[in-house]
Amino acid sequence: PILLHLCNILEPNLTRPTRRSHAIPVLSVLGFLATGTFQHEIGDRSGISQPTMSRILPAVLNGILKLVKFPYDAQRQVETMQGFSAIANMPGVISAIDCTHVRIKAPSGDAFAYINRKNFHSLNVQLICDAKCVLLNVEARWPGGTHDAFILHNSTVGTRLEDGAVRNGWLIGKSIACLYNCMCVLYMDLPFYIHRG
């Protein structure tokens, strides 16, 4: 169901005068992204040429990028607040934010910057989602040794938060969340000796 939903959403980006299912280009691009292999290898597996892969890659990626949007406008913020209120009785929450390490092979240059605190090479990826775990923002360009707060501060969302894009709601997260007034730290990150009463 998820793949069919994605294909239906991306259909306007993939409309061509062929009888090929829209699932083939979508699966091909997802395979390309998942494996990091060459376009012609993925194209050979799915029965499409490298030039076609080269054409559909930006079409699918641009379609996906349209789906991943942080709720800057008031109406979308209210909708996401209602979602968090419904599932967790957390009023005023617009989104949840965290970073995760995605393991990578050691890059040829500046490999040390990619070693994270768990001592493996990674990208430190910031993810922001709504109450349904739908991605609202992805920041995936920083080496594993980069601190979470630095990533948020240098992201598009961080810049917009500084400019006051969120005035009547909260982003929940771990300790990086104390960078902006609109952010709230989860209790699990607070030291055990803080009195909560």
Protein backbone atom coordinates (compact mmCIF):
# COMPACT_ATOMS: atom_id res chain seq x y z
CA PRO A 1 0.00 0.00 0.00
CA ILE A 2 2.80 2.47 0.79
CA LEU A 3 4.45 2.00 -2.61
CA LEU A 4 1.14 2.41 -4.45
CA HIS A 5 0.40 5.55 -2.44
CA LEU A 6 3.84 6.94 -3.28
CA CYS A 7 3.36 6.08 -6.98
CA ASN A 8 -0.02 7.83 -7.05
CA ILE A 9 1.43 10.94 -5.43
CA LEU A 10 4.41 10.99 -7.80
CA GLU A 11 2.35 10.26 -10.94
CA PRO A 12 2.30 13.90 -12.16
CA ASN A 13 6.11 13.92 -12.05
CA LEU A 14 6.33 10.70 -14.08
CA THR A 15 3.69 11.15 -16.77
CA ARG A 16 5.15 10.04 -20.10
CA PRO A 17 3.59 8.55 -23.25
CA THR A 18 4.57 4.96 -22.33
CA ARG A 19 2.73 1.96 -21.01
CA ARG A 20 5.27 1.48 -18.24
CA SER A 21 3.88 1.33 -14.73
CA HIS A 22 4.80 4.28 -12.54
CA ALA A 23 5.96 1.75 -9.96
CA ILE A 24 8.99 0.84 -12.11
CA PRO A 25 10.60 4.29 -12.07
CA VAL A 26 9.78 4.78 -8.39
CA LEU A 27 11.23 1.39 -7.44
CA SER A 28 14.26 2.00 -9.64
CA VAL A 29 15.04 5.31 -7.95
CA LEU A 30 14.46 3.85 -4.48
CA GLY A 31 16.80 0.97 -5.41
CA PHE A 32 19.40 3.43 -6.65
CA LEU A 33 19.22 5.43 -3.42
CA ALA A 34 19.27 2.34 -1.20
CA THR A 35 22.26 0.66 -2.81
CA GLY A 36 24.39 3.59 -3.93
CA THR A 37 25.22 1.70 -7.10
CA PHE A 38 25.43 3.04 -10.65
CA GLN A 39 22.36 4.12 -12.62
CA HIS A 40 23.03 1.62 -15.41
CA GLU A 41 23.13 -1.30 -12.94
CA ILE A 42 19.76 -0.41 -11.45
CA GLY A 43 18.39 0.26 -14.94
CA ASP A 44 19.54 -3.17 -16.12
CA ARG A 45 17.74 -4.82 -13.20
CA SER A 46 14.50 -2.98 -13.87
CA GLY A 47 14.61 -3.01 -17.67
CA ILE A 48 15.23 0.68 -18.31
CA SER A 49 18.19 2.41 -19.89
CA GLN A 50 20.74 4.60 -18.10
CA PRO A 51 19.51 7.75 -19.92
CA THR A 52 15.99 6.96 -18.70
CA MET A 53 17.33 6.46 -15.17
CA SER A 54 19.05 9.82 -15.47
CA ARG A 55 15.74 11.43 -16.47
CA ILE A 56 13.51 9.78 -13.87
CA LEU A 57 15.90 10.28 -10.97
CA PRO A 58 15.27 14.05 -10.61
CA ALA A 59 11.57 13.59 -11.41
CA VAL A 60 11.07 11.12 -8.55
CA LEU A 61 13.34 13.01 -6.15
CA ASN A 62 11.59 16.33 -6.83
CA GLY A 63 8.26 14.62 -6.23
CA ILE A 64 9.48 13.20 -2.92
CA LEU A 65 10.85 16.60 -1.88
CA LYS A 66 7.39 18.10 -2.36
CA LEU A 67 6.07 15.62 0.20
CA VAL A 68 8.63 16.45 2.90
CA LYS A 69 7.58 19.89 4.17
CA PHE A 70 7.81 21.47 7.58
CA PRO A 71 4.52 23.12 8.64
CA TYR A 72 5.47 26.79 8.55
CA ASP A 73 1.94 28.05 7.90
CA ALA A 74 -0.50 28.39 10.79
CA GLN A 75 -3.12 26.03 9.32
CA ARG A 76 -0.68 23.11 8.97
CA GLN A 77 0.69 23.80 12.45
CA VAL A 78 -2.82 23.53 13.89
CA GLU A 79 -3.35 20.23 12.03
CA THR A 80 -0.13 18.72 13.38
CA MET A 81 -0.95 19.98 16.89
CA GLN A 82 -4.29 18.18 16.70
CA GLY A 83 -2.46 14.99 15.71
CA PHE A 84 -0.15 15.05 18.74
CA SER A 85 -3.03 15.97 21.02
CA ALA A 86 -5.06 13.03 19.71
CA ILE A 87 -2.37 10.36 20.07
CA ALA A 88 -0.57 11.48 23.23
CA ASN A 89 -2.66 14.23 24.84
CA MET A 90 0.21 16.64 24.17
CA PRO A 91 -1.37 19.99 23.28
CA GLY A 92 0.58 22.50 21.22
CA VAL A 93 3.16 20.07 19.82
CA ILE A 94 3.90 20.75 16.15
CA SER A 95 6.56 18.12 15.53
CA ALA A 96 9.17 15.80 17.01
CA ILE A 97 12.88 16.20 16.23
CA ASP A 98 15.89 13.96 16.68
CA CYS A 99 19.12 12.99 14.98
CA THR A 100 20.29 9.49 14.09
CA HIS A 101 23.52 8.05 12.76
CA VAL A 102 23.42 6.31 9.38
CA ARG A 103 26.45 4.06 8.97
CA ILE A 104 28.57 4.70 5.87
CA LYS A 105 31.84 3.45 4.44
CA ALA A 106 34.79 5.59 5.45
CA PRO A 107 35.09 8.43 2.94
CA SER A 108 38.42 8.93 1.21
CA GLY A 109 38.85 12.51 2.41
CA ASP A 110 38.35 13.88 5.92
CA ALA A 111 37.33 10.45 7.26
CA PHE A 112 37.93 11.48 10.87
CA ALA A 113 35.04 13.98 10.77
CA TYR A 114 32.66 11.10 9.99
CA ILE A 115 33.53 9.07 13.10
CA ASN A 116 30.70 9.44 15.61
CA ARG A 117 30.68 9.05 19.39
CA LYS A 118 30.05 5.31 18.98
CA ASN A 119 33.28 5.08 16.98
CA PHE A 120 31.98 4.25 13.49
CA HIS A 121 31.72 6.29 10.29
CA SER A 122 28.30 7.82 9.74
CA LEU A 123 26.19 10.70 8.58
CA ASN A 124 24.37 12.45 11.41
CA VAL A 125 20.85 12.85 10.01
CA GLN A 126 18.29 15.22 11.56
CA LEU A 127 14.69 14.07 11.17
CA ILE A 128 11.53 15.98 12.04
CA CYS A 129 8.15 14.25 11.88
CA ASP A 130 4.52 14.78 12.76
CA ALA A 131 2.29 12.66 15.02
CA LYS A 132 1.82 10.06 12.26
CA CYS A 133 5.62 9.78 11.80
CA VAL A 134 5.36 11.50 8.42
CA LEU A 135 8.65 13.20 7.66
CA LEU A 136 8.44 16.98 7.65
CA ASN A 137 12.15 17.70 7.30
CA VAL A 138 15.36 15.76 6.67
CA GLU A 139 18.84 17.23 7.05
CA ALA A 140 21.30 14.57 5.83
CA ARG A 141 24.51 16.36 4.88
CA TRP A 142 26.57 16.39 8.07
CA PRO A 143 29.41 14.05 9.10
CA GLY A 144 28.82 11.73 12.06
CA GLY A 145 31.12 13.76 14.30
CA THR A 146 28.86 16.81 14.00
CA HIS A 147 26.86 17.73 17.13
CA ASP A 148 23.07 17.59 16.86
CA ALA A 149 22.67 21.21 18.00
CA PHE A 150 25.04 22.41 15.26
CA ILE A 151 22.97 20.58 12.64
CA LEU A 152 19.71 22.16 13.84
CA HIS A 153 21.26 25.62 14.09
CA ASN A 154 22.59 25.38 10.50
CA SER A 155 19.47 23.83 8.96
CA THR A 156 16.70 25.59 7.07
CA VAL A 157 14.29 24.78 9.89
CA GLY A 158 16.72 26.21 12.47
CA THR A 159 17.00 29.44 10.50
CA ARG A 160 13.22 29.69 10.22
CA LEU A 161 12.80 28.99 13.94
CA GLU A 162 15.20 31.85 14.72
CA ASP A 163 13.02 34.08 12.54
CA GLY A 164 9.91 33.14 14.55
CA ALA A 165 8.26 30.65 12.18
CA VAL A 166 6.75 28.81 15.16
CA ARG A 167 5.08 31.14 17.65
CA ASN A 168 2.23 29.18 19.20
CA GLY A 169 3.50 25.64 19.39
CA TRP A 170 6.33 23.34 20.41
CA LEU A 171 8.82 21.04 18.76
CA ILE A 172 9.65 18.18 21.11
CA GLY A 173 13.04 16.57 21.16
CA LYS A 174 16.02 15.63 23.21
CA SER A 175 18.67 17.96 24.60
CA ILE A 176 19.21 19.82 21.29
CA ALA A 177 15.75 21.24 21.72
CA CYS A 178 16.79 24.01 24.10
CA LEU A 179 18.22 26.11 21.25
CA TYR A 180 14.96 27.93 20.53
CA ASN A 181 12.04 29.23 22.58
CA CYS A 182 9.58 27.07 20.65
CA MET A 183 11.30 23.83 21.66
CA CYS A 184 10.68 21.55 24.60
CA VAL A 185 13.10 19.00 26.11
CA LEU A 186 11.77 15.53 26.88
CA TYR A 187 11.95 14.51 30.55
CA MET A 188 14.04 11.42 29.80
CA ASP A 189 17.02 13.66 29.00
CA LEU A 190 16.86 15.61 32.25
CA PRO A 191 19.20 14.58 35.07
CA PHE A 192 17.57 12.24 37.57
CA TYR A 193 18.13 14.60 40.50
CA ILE A 194 15.92 17.41 39.16
CA HIS A 195 12.80 17.73 41.31
CA ARG A 196 9.61 17.35 39.25
CA GLY A 197 6.98 18.48 41.61
